[in-house]
């Protein structure tokens, strides 16, 4: 049985809603006895990644800022935590950075070299369309198409497209952006997803299929 560890939720993102989205996507894995899912706080980030045995997959859906509405903003990521995350992947772990898990980490060079991208900004919520091919089925035939649309935050990102495989793109009245990319790093794997923020998008069938396929790709040898 594979162990998936996750840190989810922040000031702008309800952890209960994210867990509900994950529950819908990962239920078939749990029912088949393929995975064990655990949730943790940021204070456990390094200890979880350094545990023996370590998780097979780590999911991060949490921005770096702990209190973005305050005059004095505190952040949780440190140089030591950054090094631990990179070593986890280099030694064979899979790291899934989801939505706000890409926000506020742009100053961490080692982490950005591993992720190949980070969040820049988003406009007000609009109808966003996501189109691509599910990563767990990317074979010679190009993979199984995925397409869904919802009112969502349209994430605009810095993505080093030449150094990764962009498998999903987002489009709205504001333009088109990479919305999902994946690659190997050392002996491990990295996959980044920009959707979703709203309840409708997080609980949609398209998001469920996308997340399930992302996890499947992480679990594959």
N, C-alpha and C. Protein backbone atom coordinates (compact mmCIF):
# COMPACT_ATOMS: atom_id res chain seq x y z
N UNK A 1 0.84 -1.19 0.00
CA UNK A 1 0.00 0.00 0.00
C UNK A 1 0.88 1.25 0.00
N UNK A 2 0.58 2.18 -0.89
CA UNK A 2 1.34 3.41 -1.00
C UNK A 2 0.83 4.46 -0.01
N UNK A 3 1.74 5.26 0.50
CA UNK A 3 1.38 6.31 1.45
C UNK A 3 1.41 7.66 0.75
N UNK A 4 0.28 8.37 0.79
CA UNK A 4 0.18 9.72 0.27
C UNK A 4 0.01 10.66 1.46
N UNK A 5 0.93 11.58 1.63
CA UNK A 5 0.86 12.58 2.70
C UNK A 5 0.51 13.92 2.07
N UNK A 6 -0.28 14.72 2.78
CA UNK A 6 -0.73 15.98 2.20
C UNK A 6 -0.79 17.09 3.25
N UNK A 7 -0.48 18.29 2.80
CA UNK A 7 -0.72 19.51 3.57
C UNK A 7 -1.62 20.38 2.71
N UNK A 8 -2.81 20.69 3.21
CA UNK A 8 -3.79 21.43 2.40
C UNK A 8 -4.43 22.53 3.23
N UNK A 9 -4.84 23.58 2.53
CA UNK A 9 -5.60 24.66 3.15
C UNK A 9 -4.74 25.82 3.63
N UNK A 10 -5.25 27.02 3.45
CA UNK A 10 -4.58 28.22 3.91
C UNK A 10 -5.62 29.32 4.07
N UNK A 11 -5.17 30.55 4.22
CA UNK A 11 -6.08 31.67 4.49
C UNK A 11 -7.20 31.77 3.46
N UNK A 12 -6.88 31.54 2.19
CA UNK A 12 -7.85 31.70 1.12
C UNK A 12 -8.48 30.39 0.66
N UNK A 13 -8.04 29.27 1.19
CA UNK A 13 -8.49 27.97 0.69
C UNK A 13 -8.90 27.07 1.84
N UNK A 14 -10.18 26.74 1.88
CA UNK A 14 -10.77 25.95 2.96
C UNK A 14 -10.25 24.51 2.92
N UNK A 15 -9.57 24.06 3.97
CA UNK A 15 -9.05 22.69 3.95
C UNK A 15 -10.14 21.64 3.83
N UNK A 16 -11.30 21.89 4.40
CA UNK A 16 -12.39 20.91 4.33
C UNK A 16 -12.85 20.72 2.88
N UNK A 17 -12.90 21.80 2.10
CA UNK A 17 -13.30 21.71 0.70
C UNK A 17 -12.25 20.97 -0.12
N UNK A 18 -10.99 21.22 0.17
CA UNK A 18 -9.92 20.52 -0.56
C UNK A 18 -9.95 19.04 -0.24
N UNK A 19 -10.18 18.70 1.02
CA UNK A 19 -10.26 17.29 1.40
C UNK A 19 -11.46 16.62 0.73
N UNK A 20 -12.56 17.35 0.60
CA UNK A 20 -13.72 16.79 -0.08
C UNK A 20 -13.41 16.51 -1.54
N UNK A 21 -12.69 17.41 -2.18
CA UNK A 21 -12.27 17.20 -3.57
C UNK A 21 -11.37 15.98 -3.68
N UNK A 22 -10.42 15.87 -2.76
CA UNK A 22 -9.51 14.74 -2.77
C UNK A 22 -10.24 13.44 -2.50
N UNK A 23 -11.21 13.47 -1.59
CA UNK A 23 -11.95 12.25 -1.25
C UNK A 23 -12.66 11.70 -2.47
N UNK A 24 -13.28 12.59 -3.25
CA UNK A 24 -13.97 12.13 -4.45
C UNK A 24 -13.03 11.56 -5.49
N UNK A 25 -11.86 12.19 -5.62
CA UNK A 25 -10.89 11.74 -6.63
C UNK A 25 -10.18 10.45 -6.23
N UNK A 26 -9.87 10.32 -4.95
CA UNK A 26 -9.02 9.21 -4.51
C UNK A 26 -9.79 8.05 -3.92
N UNK A 27 -11.12 8.14 -3.84
CA UNK A 27 -11.92 7.05 -3.29
C UNK A 27 -11.64 5.70 -3.96
N UNK A 28 -11.53 5.63 -5.30
CA UNK A 28 -11.25 4.32 -5.91
C UNK A 28 -9.91 3.73 -5.48
N UNK A 29 -8.91 4.57 -5.26
CA UNK A 29 -7.61 4.09 -4.79
C UNK A 29 -7.73 3.51 -3.38
N UNK A 30 -8.45 4.24 -2.52
CA UNK A 30 -8.60 3.78 -1.13
C UNK A 30 -9.44 2.52 -1.05
N UNK A 31 -10.51 2.47 -1.83
CA UNK A 31 -11.39 1.29 -1.82
C UNK A 31 -10.67 0.05 -2.33
N UNK A 32 -9.72 0.25 -3.22
CA UNK A 32 -8.94 -0.88 -3.75
C UNK A 32 -7.77 -1.23 -2.86
N UNK A 33 -7.59 -0.49 -1.76
CA UNK A 33 -6.49 -0.76 -0.85
C UNK A 33 -5.13 -0.39 -1.41
N UNK A 34 -5.12 0.56 -2.36
CA UNK A 34 -3.86 0.93 -3.00
C UNK A 34 -3.11 2.01 -2.25
N UNK A 35 -3.86 2.86 -1.52
CA UNK A 35 -3.21 4.00 -0.86
C UNK A 35 -3.69 4.17 0.58
N UNK A 36 -2.85 4.85 1.34
CA UNK A 36 -3.20 5.34 2.67
C UNK A 36 -2.94 6.84 2.64
N UNK A 37 -3.94 7.64 2.96
CA UNK A 37 -3.85 9.09 2.87
C UNK A 37 -3.81 9.70 4.26
N UNK A 38 -2.80 10.56 4.50
CA UNK A 38 -2.69 11.24 5.80
C UNK A 38 -2.54 12.74 5.56
N UNK A 39 -3.06 13.53 6.51
CA UNK A 39 -2.98 14.98 6.43
C UNK A 39 -2.13 15.52 7.58
N UNK A 40 -1.41 16.60 7.30
CA UNK A 40 -0.45 17.14 8.26
C UNK A 40 -0.47 18.66 8.24
N UNK A 41 0.13 19.27 9.26
CA UNK A 41 0.31 20.70 9.31
C UNK A 41 1.69 21.07 8.81
N UNK A 42 1.90 22.35 8.50
CA UNK A 42 3.19 22.77 7.95
C UNK A 42 4.32 22.54 8.94
N UNK A 43 4.01 22.54 10.22
CA UNK A 43 5.05 22.30 11.22
C UNK A 43 5.60 20.87 11.13
N UNK A 44 4.88 20.01 10.41
CA UNK A 44 5.32 18.61 10.25
C UNK A 44 5.94 18.36 8.88
N UNK A 45 6.07 19.39 8.07
CA UNK A 45 6.53 19.22 6.69
C UNK A 45 7.83 18.44 6.61
N UNK A 46 8.85 18.89 7.30
CA UNK A 46 10.15 18.22 7.21
C UNK A 46 10.13 16.84 7.85
N UNK A 47 9.49 16.72 9.00
CA UNK A 47 9.48 15.42 9.69
C UNK A 47 8.76 14.36 8.86
N UNK A 48 7.71 14.74 8.15
CA UNK A 48 6.99 13.78 7.30
C UNK A 48 7.87 13.33 6.14
N UNK A 49 8.53 14.29 5.49
CA UNK A 49 9.36 13.94 4.34
C UNK A 49 10.61 13.16 4.74
N UNK A 50 11.01 13.28 5.99
CA UNK A 50 12.20 12.57 6.48
C UNK A 50 11.86 11.31 7.25
N UNK A 51 10.58 10.99 7.37
CA UNK A 51 10.16 9.83 8.16
C UNK A 51 10.65 8.53 7.53
N UNK A 52 10.66 7.49 8.32
CA UNK A 52 11.10 6.17 7.84
C UNK A 52 10.01 5.15 8.17
N UNK A 53 9.29 4.65 7.15
CA UNK A 53 9.48 4.94 5.72
C UNK A 53 8.88 6.29 5.34
N UNK A 54 9.39 6.85 4.26
CA UNK A 54 8.90 8.12 3.76
C UNK A 54 7.62 7.91 2.96
N UNK A 55 6.81 8.96 2.80
CA UNK A 55 5.64 8.85 1.91
C UNK A 55 6.10 8.56 0.48
N UNK A 56 5.24 7.92 -0.27
CA UNK A 56 5.51 7.71 -1.69
C UNK A 56 5.17 8.95 -2.50
N UNK A 57 4.13 9.66 -2.06
CA UNK A 57 3.67 10.87 -2.74
C UNK A 57 3.40 11.94 -1.69
N UNK A 58 3.79 13.17 -1.99
CA UNK A 58 3.48 14.29 -1.12
C UNK A 58 2.69 15.31 -1.91
N UNK A 59 1.54 15.75 -1.38
CA UNK A 59 0.69 16.74 -2.03
C UNK A 59 0.70 18.03 -1.22
N UNK A 60 1.00 19.13 -1.89
CA UNK A 60 1.02 20.44 -1.23
C UNK A 60 -0.01 21.36 -1.89
N UNK A 61 -1.03 21.72 -1.12
CA UNK A 61 -2.04 22.69 -1.54
C UNK A 61 -2.11 23.74 -0.44
N UNK A 62 -1.06 24.54 -0.36
CA UNK A 62 -0.98 25.57 0.67
C UNK A 62 0.03 26.62 0.24
N UNK A 63 -0.37 27.88 0.28
CA UNK A 63 0.57 28.92 -0.10
C UNK A 63 1.59 29.16 1.02
N UNK A 64 2.63 29.89 0.69
CA UNK A 64 3.71 30.11 1.64
C UNK A 64 3.32 31.09 2.75
N UNK A 65 2.46 32.06 2.45
CA UNK A 65 2.07 33.05 3.46
C UNK A 65 1.09 32.43 4.46
N UNK A 66 1.37 32.65 5.73
CA UNK A 66 0.48 32.12 6.77
C UNK A 66 -0.65 33.08 7.11
N UNK A 67 -0.39 34.37 7.00
CA UNK A 67 -1.37 35.39 7.41
C UNK A 67 -1.35 36.56 6.43
N UNK A 68 -1.77 36.34 5.19
CA UNK A 68 -1.61 37.36 4.14
C UNK A 68 -2.40 38.64 4.37
N UNK A 69 -3.40 38.63 5.23
CA UNK A 69 -4.21 39.82 5.47
C UNK A 69 -3.63 40.74 6.54
N UNK A 70 -2.58 40.29 7.23
CA UNK A 70 -2.01 41.09 8.31
C UNK A 70 -0.94 42.04 7.79
N UNK A 71 -0.66 43.06 8.57
CA UNK A 71 0.38 44.02 8.19
C UNK A 71 1.75 43.35 8.16
N UNK A 72 2.02 42.50 9.13
CA UNK A 72 3.27 41.74 9.18
C UNK A 72 2.98 40.31 8.74
N UNK A 73 3.41 39.97 7.54
CA UNK A 73 3.10 38.66 6.98
C UNK A 73 4.21 37.66 7.30
N UNK A 74 3.82 36.51 7.81
CA UNK A 74 4.77 35.44 8.12
C UNK A 74 4.67 34.34 7.07
N UNK A 75 5.80 33.72 6.80
CA UNK A 75 5.86 32.62 5.84
C UNK A 75 6.37 31.36 6.54
N UNK A 76 6.01 30.21 6.01
CA UNK A 76 6.41 28.96 6.67
C UNK A 76 7.59 28.26 5.99
N UNK A 77 7.78 28.47 4.71
CA UNK A 77 8.87 27.79 4.01
C UNK A 77 10.21 28.38 4.43
N UNK A 78 11.18 27.49 4.69
CA UNK A 78 12.53 27.89 5.06
C UNK A 78 13.52 27.24 4.11
N UNK A 79 14.76 27.67 4.18
CA UNK A 79 15.80 27.06 3.34
C UNK A 79 15.97 25.59 3.68
N UNK A 80 15.87 25.24 4.96
CA UNK A 80 16.00 23.84 5.37
C UNK A 80 14.85 23.01 4.82
N UNK A 81 13.61 23.56 4.89
CA UNK A 81 12.45 22.84 4.37
C UNK A 81 12.56 22.67 2.86
N UNK A 82 13.05 23.71 2.19
CA UNK A 82 13.25 23.65 0.74
C UNK A 82 14.22 22.53 0.38
N UNK A 83 15.33 22.44 1.07
CA UNK A 83 16.31 21.40 0.81
C UNK A 83 15.74 20.02 1.08
N UNK A 84 14.93 19.90 2.12
CA UNK A 84 14.31 18.62 2.44
C UNK A 84 13.36 18.18 1.33
N UNK A 85 12.57 19.12 0.80
CA UNK A 85 11.64 18.80 -0.28
C UNK A 85 12.39 18.35 -1.53
N UNK A 86 13.44 19.05 -1.87
CA UNK A 86 14.21 18.69 -3.07
C UNK A 86 14.90 17.35 -2.91
N UNK A 87 15.42 17.09 -1.74
CA UNK A 87 16.08 15.80 -1.50
C UNK A 87 15.07 14.66 -1.54
N UNK A 88 13.86 14.90 -1.02
CA UNK A 88 12.80 13.89 -1.05
C UNK A 88 12.53 13.44 -2.48
N UNK A 89 12.45 14.40 -3.41
CA UNK A 89 12.18 14.06 -4.80
C UNK A 89 13.41 13.45 -5.46
N UNK A 90 14.55 14.04 -5.25
CA UNK A 90 15.78 13.52 -5.86
C UNK A 90 16.03 12.07 -5.50
N UNK A 91 15.60 11.67 -4.30
CA UNK A 91 15.82 10.30 -3.83
C UNK A 91 14.67 9.35 -4.16
N UNK A 92 13.69 9.84 -4.95
CA UNK A 92 12.67 8.92 -5.45
C UNK A 92 11.23 9.24 -5.09
N UNK A 93 10.98 10.28 -4.33
CA UNK A 93 9.61 10.63 -3.97
C UNK A 93 8.90 11.36 -5.09
N UNK A 94 7.58 11.38 -5.01
CA UNK A 94 6.76 12.13 -5.97
C UNK A 94 6.14 13.33 -5.26
N UNK A 95 6.21 14.49 -5.88
CA UNK A 95 5.75 15.75 -5.28
C UNK A 95 4.69 16.34 -6.18
N UNK A 96 3.48 16.53 -5.64
CA UNK A 96 2.37 17.11 -6.40
C UNK A 96 2.06 18.48 -5.81
N UNK A 97 2.36 19.53 -6.57
CA UNK A 97 2.05 20.90 -6.15
C UNK A 97 0.76 21.33 -6.82
N UNK A 98 -0.23 21.65 -6.00
CA UNK A 98 -1.59 21.85 -6.49
C UNK A 98 -2.07 23.26 -6.12
N UNK A 99 -2.48 24.02 -7.09
CA UNK A 99 -3.07 25.35 -6.95
C UNK A 99 -2.22 26.27 -6.06
N UNK A 100 -2.66 26.58 -4.85
CA UNK A 100 -1.88 27.52 -4.02
C UNK A 100 -0.57 26.92 -3.55
N UNK A 101 -0.35 25.63 -3.79
CA UNK A 101 0.96 25.03 -3.53
C UNK A 101 2.04 25.58 -4.44
N UNK A 102 1.64 26.42 -5.40
CA UNK A 102 2.59 27.08 -6.30
C UNK A 102 2.76 28.56 -5.97
N UNK A 103 2.10 29.03 -4.90
CA UNK A 103 2.04 30.47 -4.62
C UNK A 103 2.95 30.89 -3.49
N UNK A 104 3.79 31.87 -3.77
CA UNK A 104 4.63 32.46 -2.74
C UNK A 104 5.98 31.80 -2.55
N UNK A 105 6.34 30.91 -3.46
CA UNK A 105 7.61 30.19 -3.32
C UNK A 105 8.64 30.61 -4.36
N UNK A 106 8.37 31.68 -5.10
CA UNK A 106 9.20 32.05 -6.24
C UNK A 106 10.62 32.44 -5.86
N UNK A 107 10.87 32.83 -4.61
CA UNK A 107 12.22 33.24 -4.22
C UNK A 107 13.11 32.06 -3.84
N UNK A 108 12.56 30.85 -3.81
CA UNK A 108 13.33 29.68 -3.43
C UNK A 108 13.89 29.01 -4.69
N UNK A 109 15.16 29.24 -4.96
CA UNK A 109 15.76 28.84 -6.23
C UNK A 109 15.79 27.32 -6.40
N UNK A 110 16.16 26.59 -5.35
CA UNK A 110 16.22 25.13 -5.46
C UNK A 110 14.83 24.55 -5.74
N UNK A 111 13.85 25.06 -5.05
CA UNK A 111 12.47 24.60 -5.24
C UNK A 111 11.98 24.92 -6.64
N UNK A 112 12.27 26.12 -7.12
CA UNK A 112 11.83 26.49 -8.46
C UNK A 112 12.54 25.70 -9.54
N UNK A 113 13.78 25.35 -9.30
CA UNK A 113 14.49 24.51 -10.25
C UNK A 113 13.85 23.13 -10.32
N UNK A 114 13.33 22.67 -9.20
CA UNK A 114 12.66 21.37 -9.16
C UNK A 114 11.27 21.44 -9.78
N UNK A 115 10.51 22.48 -9.45
CA UNK A 115 9.12 22.58 -9.90
C UNK A 115 8.98 23.07 -11.34
N UNK A 116 9.94 23.85 -11.80
CA UNK A 116 9.92 24.44 -13.14
C UNK A 116 8.79 25.47 -13.32
N UNK A 117 8.24 25.97 -12.22
CA UNK A 117 7.21 26.98 -12.37
C UNK A 117 6.68 27.47 -11.05
N UNK A 118 6.01 28.63 -11.09
CA UNK A 118 5.40 29.18 -9.89
C UNK A 118 4.27 30.14 -10.28
N UNK A 119 3.36 30.39 -9.34
CA UNK A 119 2.23 31.29 -9.52
C UNK A 119 2.70 32.74 -9.61
N UNK A 120 2.12 33.51 -10.53
CA UNK A 120 2.41 34.94 -10.64
C UNK A 120 1.23 35.79 -10.17
N UNK A 121 0.05 35.55 -10.75
CA UNK A 121 -1.12 36.34 -10.36
C UNK A 121 -2.36 35.69 -10.95
N UNK A 122 -3.53 36.18 -10.53
CA UNK A 122 -4.77 35.78 -11.17
C UNK A 122 -5.74 36.96 -11.17
N UNK A 123 -6.55 37.09 -12.23
CA UNK A 123 -7.58 38.13 -12.25
C UNK A 123 -8.78 37.71 -11.40
N UNK A 124 -9.82 38.51 -11.40
CA UNK A 124 -11.06 38.13 -10.74
C UNK A 124 -11.60 36.84 -11.37
N UNK A 125 -12.37 36.09 -10.59
CA UNK A 125 -12.87 34.81 -11.08
C UNK A 125 -13.68 34.98 -12.36
N UNK A 126 -13.40 34.09 -13.31
CA UNK A 126 -14.09 34.09 -14.60
C UNK A 126 -14.33 32.64 -15.00
N UNK A 127 -15.01 32.45 -16.11
CA UNK A 127 -15.16 31.10 -16.65
C UNK A 127 -13.83 30.68 -17.27
N UNK A 128 -13.29 29.58 -16.76
CA UNK A 128 -11.99 29.08 -17.23
C UNK A 128 -12.19 27.70 -17.82
N UNK A 129 -11.58 27.47 -18.96
CA UNK A 129 -11.64 26.16 -19.62
C UNK A 129 -10.27 25.50 -19.51
N UNK A 130 -10.29 24.22 -19.18
CA UNK A 130 -9.06 23.43 -19.07
C UNK A 130 -9.10 22.33 -20.12
N UNK A 131 -8.06 22.24 -20.92
CA UNK A 131 -7.99 21.24 -21.98
C UNK A 131 -6.61 20.61 -22.00
N UNK A 132 -6.57 19.30 -22.18
CA UNK A 132 -5.29 18.61 -22.28
C UNK A 132 -5.47 17.12 -22.33
N UNK A 133 -4.44 16.40 -21.88
CA UNK A 133 -4.46 14.94 -21.86
C UNK A 133 -4.06 14.48 -20.47
N UNK A 134 -4.82 13.57 -19.90
CA UNK A 134 -4.55 13.11 -18.55
C UNK A 134 -3.18 12.45 -18.47
N UNK A 135 -2.34 12.84 -17.50
CA UNK A 135 -0.94 12.40 -17.48
C UNK A 135 -0.75 10.91 -17.31
N UNK A 136 -1.62 10.23 -16.61
CA UNK A 136 -1.40 8.80 -16.37
C UNK A 136 -1.64 7.96 -17.61
N UNK A 137 -2.20 8.56 -18.68
CA UNK A 137 -2.47 7.81 -19.90
C UNK A 137 -1.65 8.32 -21.07
N UNK A 138 -0.61 9.10 -20.79
CA UNK A 138 0.21 9.64 -21.87
C UNK A 138 1.09 8.54 -22.48
N UNK A 139 0.60 7.93 -23.52
CA UNK A 139 1.35 6.92 -24.24
C UNK A 139 1.54 7.42 -25.67
N UNK A 140 1.81 6.50 -26.58
CA UNK A 140 2.06 6.91 -27.95
C UNK A 140 0.84 7.58 -28.59
N UNK A 141 -0.38 7.26 -28.07
CA UNK A 141 -1.59 7.81 -28.66
C UNK A 141 -1.88 9.22 -28.18
N UNK A 142 -1.03 9.78 -27.31
CA UNK A 142 -1.21 11.14 -26.85
C UNK A 142 -2.03 11.28 -25.59
N UNK A 143 -2.57 10.17 -25.09
CA UNK A 143 -3.29 10.23 -23.83
C UNK A 143 -4.78 10.48 -23.99
N UNK A 144 -5.52 10.23 -22.93
CA UNK A 144 -6.97 10.42 -22.93
C UNK A 144 -7.29 11.90 -22.70
N UNK A 145 -8.07 12.52 -23.57
CA UNK A 145 -8.34 13.95 -23.43
C UNK A 145 -9.08 14.28 -22.14
N UNK A 146 -8.80 15.45 -21.61
CA UNK A 146 -9.56 15.98 -20.48
C UNK A 146 -9.99 17.39 -20.85
N UNK A 147 -11.24 17.71 -20.55
CA UNK A 147 -11.74 19.04 -20.86
C UNK A 147 -12.88 19.36 -19.90
N UNK A 148 -12.74 20.46 -19.18
CA UNK A 148 -13.84 20.91 -18.33
C UNK A 148 -13.77 22.42 -18.17
N UNK A 149 -14.89 22.98 -17.77
CA UNK A 149 -14.99 24.42 -17.65
C UNK A 149 -15.74 24.77 -16.37
N UNK A 150 -15.28 25.80 -15.68
CA UNK A 150 -15.92 26.23 -14.44
C UNK A 150 -15.52 27.66 -14.14
N UNK A 151 -16.32 28.35 -13.37
CA UNK A 151 -15.91 29.65 -12.85
C UNK A 151 -14.81 29.40 -11.84
N UNK A 152 -13.66 30.02 -12.06
CA UNK A 152 -12.48 29.66 -11.28
C UNK A 152 -11.50 30.83 -11.27
N UNK A 153 -10.47 30.72 -10.46
CA UNK A 153 -9.34 31.63 -10.56
C UNK A 153 -8.47 31.19 -11.73
N UNK A 154 -8.26 32.07 -12.69
CA UNK A 154 -7.40 31.73 -13.81
C UNK A 154 -5.97 32.05 -13.42
N UNK A 155 -5.23 31.01 -13.05
CA UNK A 155 -3.85 31.19 -12.61
C UNK A 155 -2.95 31.53 -13.79
N UNK A 156 -2.19 32.60 -13.63
CA UNK A 156 -1.12 32.93 -14.57
C UNK A 156 0.19 32.59 -13.87
N UNK A 157 1.05 31.87 -14.59
CA UNK A 157 2.23 31.28 -13.98
C UNK A 157 3.50 31.58 -14.79
N UNK A 158 4.60 31.46 -14.11
CA UNK A 158 5.89 31.39 -14.80
C UNK A 158 6.21 29.91 -14.91
N UNK A 159 6.29 29.40 -16.13
CA UNK A 159 6.56 27.97 -16.35
C UNK A 159 7.69 27.82 -17.34
N UNK A 160 8.70 27.07 -16.97
CA UNK A 160 9.85 26.82 -17.85
C UNK A 160 9.48 25.66 -18.79
N UNK A 161 8.67 25.99 -19.79
CA UNK A 161 8.06 24.96 -20.63
C UNK A 161 9.08 24.09 -21.36
N UNK A 162 10.24 24.64 -21.67
CA UNK A 162 11.24 23.86 -22.38
C UNK A 162 11.86 22.77 -21.50
N UNK A 163 11.65 22.87 -20.17
CA UNK A 163 12.27 21.94 -19.25
C UNK A 163 11.28 20.97 -18.61
N UNK A 164 10.03 20.99 -19.06
CA UNK A 164 9.01 20.13 -18.50
C UNK A 164 8.03 19.75 -19.60
N UNK A 165 7.02 18.96 -19.26
CA UNK A 165 6.01 18.54 -20.22
C UNK A 165 4.67 19.15 -19.81
N UNK A 166 4.23 20.14 -20.55
CA UNK A 166 2.94 20.76 -20.28
C UNK A 166 1.85 19.88 -20.89
N UNK A 167 0.97 19.34 -20.05
CA UNK A 167 -0.08 18.44 -20.53
C UNK A 167 -1.47 19.05 -20.42
N UNK A 168 -1.57 20.23 -19.80
CA UNK A 168 -2.88 20.86 -19.60
C UNK A 168 -2.73 22.36 -19.76
N UNK A 169 -3.69 22.97 -20.45
CA UNK A 169 -3.68 24.43 -20.60
C UNK A 169 -5.03 25.00 -20.20
N UNK A 170 -4.98 26.22 -19.68
CA UNK A 170 -6.19 26.92 -19.27
C UNK A 170 -6.43 28.09 -20.20
N UNK A 171 -7.70 28.44 -20.42
CA UNK A 171 -8.01 29.58 -21.27
C UNK A 171 -9.25 30.29 -20.74
N UNK A 172 -9.25 31.61 -20.88
CA UNK A 172 -10.38 32.44 -20.48
C UNK A 172 -10.33 33.72 -21.31
N UNK A 173 -11.17 34.68 -20.96
CA UNK A 173 -11.13 35.96 -21.67
C UNK A 173 -9.80 36.67 -21.47
N UNK A 174 -9.01 36.22 -20.50
CA UNK A 174 -7.73 36.85 -20.20
C UNK A 174 -6.55 36.23 -20.95
N UNK A 175 -6.79 35.12 -21.66
CA UNK A 175 -5.70 34.50 -22.40
C UNK A 175 -5.56 33.02 -22.09
N UNK A 176 -4.40 32.46 -22.44
CA UNK A 176 -4.13 31.04 -22.26
C UNK A 176 -2.84 30.86 -21.48
N UNK A 177 -2.82 29.85 -20.60
CA UNK A 177 -1.67 29.61 -19.74
C UNK A 177 -1.46 28.11 -19.55
N UNK A 178 -0.22 27.69 -19.22
CA UNK A 178 -0.02 26.31 -18.78
C UNK A 178 -0.79 26.09 -17.48
N UNK A 179 -1.48 24.95 -17.38
CA UNK A 179 -2.26 24.64 -16.18
C UNK A 179 -1.86 23.32 -15.55
N UNK A 180 -1.01 22.57 -16.22
CA UNK A 180 -0.51 21.31 -15.66
C UNK A 180 0.76 20.91 -16.36
N UNK A 181 1.79 20.55 -15.60
CA UNK A 181 3.04 20.10 -16.20
C UNK A 181 3.69 19.05 -15.31
N UNK A 182 4.51 18.23 -15.91
CA UNK A 182 5.13 17.13 -15.16
C UNK A 182 6.51 16.81 -15.73
N UNK A 183 7.35 16.23 -14.89
CA UNK A 183 8.69 15.82 -15.31
C UNK A 183 9.31 14.98 -14.20
N UNK A 184 10.39 14.36 -14.51
CA UNK A 184 11.18 13.64 -13.52
C UNK A 184 12.28 14.56 -13.00
N UNK A 185 12.62 14.35 -11.74
CA UNK A 185 13.68 15.15 -11.12
C UNK A 185 14.49 14.20 -10.25
N UNK A 186 15.76 14.01 -10.64
CA UNK A 186 16.54 12.99 -9.95
C UNK A 186 15.88 11.64 -10.16
N UNK A 187 15.66 10.89 -9.08
CA UNK A 187 14.98 9.60 -9.19
C UNK A 187 13.48 9.73 -8.95
N UNK A 188 13.00 10.95 -8.73
CA UNK A 188 11.60 11.15 -8.39
C UNK A 188 10.80 11.86 -9.47
N UNK A 189 9.61 12.30 -9.09
CA UNK A 189 8.67 12.90 -10.03
C UNK A 189 8.10 14.18 -9.46
N UNK A 190 7.77 15.10 -10.37
CA UNK A 190 7.12 16.35 -10.00
C UNK A 190 5.94 16.57 -10.94
N UNK A 191 4.79 16.94 -10.37
CA UNK A 191 3.65 17.30 -11.19
C UNK A 191 2.98 18.51 -10.56
N UNK A 192 2.62 19.49 -11.38
CA UNK A 192 2.02 20.74 -10.91
C UNK A 192 0.68 20.96 -11.59
N UNK A 193 -0.33 21.33 -10.80
CA UNK A 193 -1.67 21.59 -11.29
C UNK A 193 -2.12 22.97 -10.81
N UNK A 194 -2.65 23.82 -11.70
CA UNK A 194 -3.14 25.12 -11.26
C UNK A 194 -4.62 25.14 -10.90
N UNK A 195 -5.52 24.32 -11.47
CA UNK A 195 -6.90 24.32 -11.00
C UNK A 195 -7.00 23.50 -9.69
N UNK A 196 -7.89 23.83 -8.75
CA UNK A 196 -8.97 24.78 -8.87
C UNK A 196 -9.13 25.52 -7.54
N UNK A 197 -9.95 26.58 -7.55
CA UNK A 197 -10.18 27.37 -6.35
C UNK A 197 -11.62 27.29 -5.85
N UNK A 198 -12.56 27.43 -6.75
CA UNK A 198 -13.96 27.48 -6.35
C UNK A 198 -14.52 26.09 -6.03
N UNK A 199 -15.61 26.08 -5.26
CA UNK A 199 -16.25 24.81 -4.92
C UNK A 199 -16.70 24.06 -6.17
N UNK A 200 -17.32 24.79 -7.10
CA UNK A 200 -17.81 24.15 -8.32
C UNK A 200 -16.68 23.48 -9.09
N UNK A 201 -15.56 24.16 -9.19
CA UNK A 201 -14.43 23.60 -9.94
C UNK A 201 -13.78 22.44 -9.19
N UNK A 202 -13.57 22.61 -7.87
CA UNK A 202 -12.92 21.56 -7.09
C UNK A 202 -13.71 20.27 -7.06
N UNK A 203 -15.04 20.37 -7.07
CA UNK A 203 -15.88 19.18 -6.96
C UNK A 203 -16.38 18.69 -8.32
N UNK A 204 -15.91 19.29 -9.39
CA UNK A 204 -16.36 18.87 -10.73
C UNK A 204 -15.76 17.52 -11.11
N UNK A 205 -16.44 16.84 -12.00
CA UNK A 205 -15.94 15.57 -12.49
C UNK A 205 -14.62 15.71 -13.21
N UNK A 206 -14.44 16.84 -13.91
CA UNK A 206 -13.18 17.05 -14.62
C UNK A 206 -12.02 17.18 -13.68
N UNK A 207 -12.21 17.93 -12.59
CA UNK A 207 -11.14 18.07 -11.60
C UNK A 207 -10.86 16.75 -10.93
N UNK A 208 -11.91 15.98 -10.64
CA UNK A 208 -11.74 14.67 -10.01
C UNK A 208 -10.90 13.74 -10.89
N UNK A 209 -11.23 13.72 -12.18
CA UNK A 209 -10.46 12.87 -13.10
C UNK A 209 -9.02 13.34 -13.22
N UNK A 210 -8.84 14.66 -13.27
CA UNK A 210 -7.50 15.21 -13.39
C UNK A 210 -6.64 14.85 -12.18
N UNK A 211 -7.18 15.04 -10.98
CA UNK A 211 -6.42 14.74 -9.78
C UNK A 211 -6.14 13.25 -9.66
N UNK A 212 -7.13 12.42 -9.96
CA UNK A 212 -6.91 10.98 -9.91
C UNK A 212 -5.81 10.54 -10.86
N UNK A 213 -5.80 11.11 -12.05
CA UNK A 213 -4.77 10.75 -13.03
C UNK A 213 -3.40 11.26 -12.61
N UNK A 214 -3.36 12.44 -12.00
CA UNK A 214 -2.09 12.98 -11.51
C UNK A 214 -1.52 12.06 -10.43
N UNK A 215 -2.36 11.60 -9.54
CA UNK A 215 -1.91 10.68 -8.48
C UNK A 215 -1.49 9.34 -9.09
N UNK A 216 -2.23 8.87 -10.08
CA UNK A 216 -1.87 7.61 -10.74
C UNK A 216 -0.47 7.73 -11.35
N UNK A 217 -0.19 8.85 -11.99
CA UNK A 217 1.13 9.04 -12.59
C UNK A 217 2.21 9.05 -11.50
N UNK A 218 1.90 9.65 -10.37
CA UNK A 218 2.87 9.68 -9.26
C UNK A 218 3.15 8.27 -8.72
N UNK A 219 2.13 7.41 -8.73
CA UNK A 219 2.28 6.07 -8.17
C UNK A 219 2.95 5.09 -9.13
N UNK A 220 2.91 5.39 -10.41
CA UNK A 220 3.51 4.49 -11.39
C UNK A 220 5.02 4.43 -11.21
N UNK A 221 5.60 3.28 -11.53
CA UNK A 221 7.05 3.10 -11.41
C UNK A 221 7.78 3.97 -12.43
